[in-house]
Amino acid sequence: MMKDDDQRNVNQPVFDYEDFLERIDGDTVLLKEVLEIFLEDTPSLLADLNAGIKSKDVEMVERAAHTLKGAAANISAKRLQELNHQLLVLARNGKLGDTEGLYDDIIKNYNALEQLLLSHMAK
């Protein structure tokens, strides 16, 4: 089992632009559309995640973390994907008490990701 410090040291990129661009066959118009949808949908998922953690609602945390993990995977936001995977594992094991620090890491990562995505959309 990983220690908390090891668990949160995610060595994945915040956003793998080249991987995402390759996955959508270099279509920069599609890239902007998909990133726009991601940026519109993610804040409500993060709010659901926070509410689930605060209320100790395992199903809500699982659902939000699973959805965020998938959305992050779709755009090659590999660090956010991994952090949500870790949260999902904790939720499935009934360890919501261990999730607040991880949620903080998710928010910090999302904020960095949002800035990167906005810069790529402006190109």
C-alpha atoms as a PDB file:
ATOM      1  CA  MET A   1       0.000   0.000   0.000  1.00  0.00           C
ATOM      2  CA  MET A   2       1.200   3.495  -0.822  1.00  0.00           C
ATOM      3  CA  LYS A   3       1.863   6.084   1.812  1.00  0.00           C
ATOM      4  CA  ASP A   4      -0.132   9.301   1.455  1.00  0.00           C
ATOM      5  CA  ASP A   5       2.905  11.264   0.294  1.00  0.00           C
ATOM      6  CA  ASP A   6       3.788   8.656  -2.339  1.00  0.00           C
ATOM      7  CA  GLN A   7       0.192   8.332  -3.421  1.00  0.00           C
ATOM      8  CA  ARG A   8      -0.119  11.972  -4.365  1.00  0.00           C
ATOM      9  CA  ASN A   9       3.208  12.250  -6.176  1.00  0.00           C
ATOM     10  CA  VAL A  10       1.820  11.876  -9.646  1.00  0.00           C
ATOM     11  CA  ASN A  11       4.469  11.970 -12.323  1.00  0.00           C
ATOM     12  CA  GLN A  12       2.014  12.348 -15.174  1.00  0.00           C
ATOM     13  CA  PRO A  13       1.811  15.539 -17.226  1.00  0.00           C
ATOM     14  CA  VAL A  14      -0.960  17.979 -16.374  1.00  0.00           C
ATOM     15  CA  PHE A  15      -1.939  17.981 -20.061  1.00  0.00           C
ATOM     16  CA  ASP A  16      -0.364  15.921 -22.836  1.00  0.00           C
ATOM     17  CA  TYR A  17      -1.165  18.153 -25.805  1.00  0.00           C
ATOM     18  CA  GLU A  18       0.635  15.982 -28.361  1.00  0.00           C
ATOM     19  CA  ASP A  19      -1.152  12.830 -27.191  1.00  0.00           C
ATOM     20  CA  PHE A  20      -4.546  14.529 -27.315  1.00  0.00           C
ATOM     21  CA  LEU A  21      -3.878  16.046 -30.729  1.00  0.00           C
ATOM     22  CA  GLU A  22      -2.847  12.630 -32.047  1.00  0.00           C
ATOM     23  CA  ARG A  23      -5.976  10.999 -30.601  1.00  0.00           C
ATOM     24  CA  ILE A  24      -8.188  13.455 -32.499  1.00  0.00           C
ATOM     25  CA  ASP A  25      -6.187  13.127 -35.732  1.00  0.00           C
ATOM     26  CA  GLY A  26      -4.754  16.638 -35.528  1.00  0.00           C
ATOM     27  CA  ASP A  27      -8.156  18.319 -35.764  1.00  0.00           C
ATOM     28  CA  THR A  28      -7.571  21.598 -33.927  1.00  0.00           C
ATOM     29  CA  VAL A  29     -11.188  22.701 -34.392  1.00  0.00           C
ATOM     30  CA  LEU A  30     -12.355  19.533 -32.621  1.00  0.00           C
ATOM     31  CA  LEU A  31      -9.662  20.061 -29.986  1.00  0.00           C
ATOM     32  CA  LYS A  32     -11.083  23.473 -29.094  1.00  0.00           C
ATOM     33  CA  GLU A  33     -14.661  22.155 -29.024  1.00  0.00           C
ATOM     34  CA  VAL A  34     -13.802  19.226 -26.757  1.00  0.00           C
ATOM     35  CA  LEU A  35     -11.732  21.393 -24.411  1.00  0.00           C
ATOM     36  CA  GLU A  36     -14.562  23.940 -24.217  1.00  0.00           C
ATOM     37  CA  ILE A  37     -17.034  21.220 -23.196  1.00  0.00           C
ATOM     38  CA  PHE A  38     -14.559  19.875 -20.624  1.00  0.00           C
ATOM     39  CA  LEU A  39     -14.117  23.342 -19.112  1.00  0.00           C
ATOM     40  CA  GLU A  40     -17.890  23.886 -18.998  1.00  0.00           C
ATOM     41  CA  ASP A  41     -18.709  20.522 -17.378  1.00  0.00           C
ATOM     42  CA  THR A  42     -15.859  20.044 -14.928  1.00  0.00           C
ATOM     43  CA  PRO A  43     -16.658  22.725 -12.300  1.00  0.00           C
ATOM     44  CA  SER A  44     -20.015  21.082 -11.486  1.00  0.00           C
ATOM     45  CA  LEU A  45     -18.327  17.674 -11.221  1.00  0.00           C
ATOM     46  CA  LEU A  46     -15.748  19.129  -8.847  1.00  0.00           C
ATOM     47  CA  ALA A  47     -18.570  20.643  -6.783  1.00  0.00           C
ATOM     48  CA  ASP A  48     -20.302  17.239  -6.660  1.00  0.00           C
ATOM     49  CA  LEU A  49     -17.043  15.640  -5.588  1.00  0.00           C
ATOM     50  CA  ASN A  50     -16.573  18.183  -2.809  1.00  0.00           C
ATOM     51  CA  ALA A  51     -20.167  17.797  -1.630  1.00  0.00           C
ATOM     52  CA  GLY A  52     -19.815  14.018  -1.598  1.00  0.00           C
ATOM     53  CA  ILE A  53     -16.603  14.171   0.412  1.00  0.00           C
ATOM     54  CA  LYS A  54     -18.050  16.627   2.940  1.00  0.00           C
ATOM     55  CA  SER A  55     -21.246  14.599   3.398  1.00  0.00           C
ATOM     56  CA  LYS A  56     -19.371  11.247   3.330  1.00  0.00           C
ATOM     57  CA  ASP A  57     -21.572  10.119   0.431  1.00  0.00           C
ATOM     58  CA  VAL A  58     -19.557   7.267  -1.084  1.00  0.00           C
ATOM     59  CA  GLU A  59     -21.821   6.858  -4.123  1.00  0.00           C
ATOM     60  CA  MET A  60     -21.634  10.563  -4.966  1.00  0.00           C
ATOM     61  CA  VAL A  61     -17.834  10.566  -4.642  1.00  0.00           C
ATOM     62  CA  GLU A  62     -17.518   7.415  -6.750  1.00  0.00           C
ATOM     63  CA  ARG A  63     -19.779   8.779  -9.470  1.00  0.00           C
ATOM     64  CA  ALA A  64     -18.062  12.175  -9.647  1.00  0.00           C
ATOM     65  CA  ALA A  65     -14.524  10.725  -9.453  1.00  0.00           C
ATOM     66  CA  HIS A  66     -15.330   8.143 -12.130  1.00  0.00           C
ATOM     67  CA  THR A  67     -16.793  10.793 -14.439  1.00  0.00           C
ATOM     68  CA  LEU A  68     -13.864  13.162 -13.850  1.00  0.00           C
ATOM     69  CA  LYS A  69     -11.376  10.365 -14.453  1.00  0.00           C
ATOM     70  CA  GLY A  70     -13.016   9.551 -17.783  1.00  0.00           C
ATOM     71  CA  ALA A  71     -13.299  13.176 -18.852  1.00  0.00           C
ATOM     72  CA  ALA A  72      -9.641  13.757 -17.995  1.00  0.00           C
ATOM     73  CA  ALA A  73      -8.625  10.635 -19.914  1.00  0.00           C
ATOM     74  CA  ASN A  74     -10.558  11.846 -22.964  1.00  0.00           C
ATOM     75  CA  ILE A  75      -8.464  15.004 -23.197  1.00  0.00           C
ATOM     76  CA  SER A  76      -5.129  13.478 -22.092  1.00  0.00           C
ATOM     77  CA  ALA A  77      -5.163  15.311 -18.750  1.00  0.00           C
ATOM     78  CA  LYS A  78      -3.165  12.463 -17.304  1.00  0.00           C
ATOM     79  CA  ARG A  79      -2.428  13.862 -13.847  1.00  0.00           C
ATOM     80  CA  LEU A  80      -6.100  14.699 -13.187  1.00  0.00           C
ATOM     81  CA  GLN A  81      -7.019  11.243 -14.452  1.00  0.00           C
ATOM     82  CA  GLU A  82      -4.584   9.597 -12.029  1.00  0.00           C
ATOM     83  CA  LEU A  83      -5.632  11.727  -9.042  1.00  0.00           C
ATOM     84  CA  ASN A  84      -9.286  10.846  -9.639  1.00  0.00           C
ATOM     85  CA  HIS A  85      -8.358   7.192  -9.983  1.00  0.00           C
ATOM     86  CA  GLN A  86      -6.727   7.374  -6.544  1.00  0.00           C
ATOM     87  CA  LEU A  87      -9.831   9.047  -5.123  1.00  0.00           C
ATOM     88  CA  LEU A  88     -12.061   6.430  -6.717  1.00  0.00           C
ATOM     89  CA  VAL A  89     -10.038   3.629  -5.107  1.00  0.00           C
ATOM     90  CA  LEU A  90     -10.292   5.296  -1.686  1.00  0.00           C
ATOM     91  CA  ALA A  91     -14.052   5.777  -2.094  1.00  0.00           C
ATOM     92  CA  ARG A  92     -14.576   2.171  -3.175  1.00  0.00           C
ATOM     93  CA  ASN A  93     -12.660   1.059  -0.090  1.00  0.00           C
ATOM     94  CA  GLY A  94     -14.816   3.260   2.144  1.00  0.00           C
ATOM     95  CA  LYS A  95     -11.930   5.546   3.081  1.00  0.00           C
ATOM     96  CA  LEU A  96     -13.523   8.940   2.528  1.00  0.00           C
ATOM     97  CA  GLY A  97     -11.779  10.261   5.629  1.00  0.00           C
ATOM     98  CA  ASP A  98      -8.515  10.113   3.655  1.00  0.00           C
ATOM     99  CA  THR A  99      -9.761  12.137   0.694  1.00  0.00           C
ATOM    100  CA  GLU A 100      -9.698  15.814   1.649  1.00  0.00           C
ATOM    101  CA  GLY A 101      -5.985  16.298   0.932  1.00  0.00           C
ATOM    102  CA  LEU A 102      -6.395  14.439  -2.325  1.00  0.00           C
ATOM    103  CA  TYR A 103      -9.350  16.656  -3.228  1.00  0.00           C
ATOM    104  CA  ASP A 104      -7.122  19.706  -2.623  1.00  0.00           C
ATOM    105  CA  ASP A 105      -4.559  18.202  -5.018  1.00  0.00           C
ATOM    106  CA  ILE A 106      -7.299  17.655  -7.597  1.00  0.00           C
ATOM    107  CA  ILE A 107      -8.381  21.303  -7.344  1.00  0.00           C
ATOM    108  CA  LYS A 108      -4.796  22.595  -7.631  1.00  0.00           C
ATOM    109  CA  ASN A 109      -4.241  20.352 -10.636  1.00  0.00           C
ATOM    110  CA  TYR A 110      -7.504  21.412 -12.260  1.00  0.00           C
ATOM    111  CA  ASN A 111      -6.593  25.088 -11.854  1.00  0.00           C
ATOM    112  CA  ALA A 112      -3.231  24.493 -13.564  1.00  0.00           C
ATOM    113  CA  LEU A 113      -4.929  22.399 -16.242  1.00  0.00           C
ATOM    114  CA  GLU A 114      -7.546  25.068 -16.893  1.00  0.00           C
ATOM    115  CA  GLN A 115      -4.819  27.645 -17.589  1.00  0.00           C
ATOM    116  CA  LEU A 116      -3.029  25.273 -19.975  1.00  0.00           C
ATOM    117  CA  LEU A 117      -6.239  24.431 -21.810  1.00  0.00           C
ATOM    118  CA  LEU A 118      -7.204  28.080 -22.183  1.00  0.00           C
ATOM    119  CA  SER A 119      -3.781  28.854 -23.638  1.00  0.00           C
ATOM    120  CA  HIS A 120      -4.122  26.010 -26.166  1.00  0.00           C
ATOM    121  CA  MET A 121      -7.627  27.168 -27.104  1.00  0.00           C
ATOM    122  CA  ALA A 122      -6.342  30.702 -27.764  1.00  0.00           C
ATOM    123  CA  LYS A 123      -3.932  29.451 -30.445  1.00  0.00           C
END
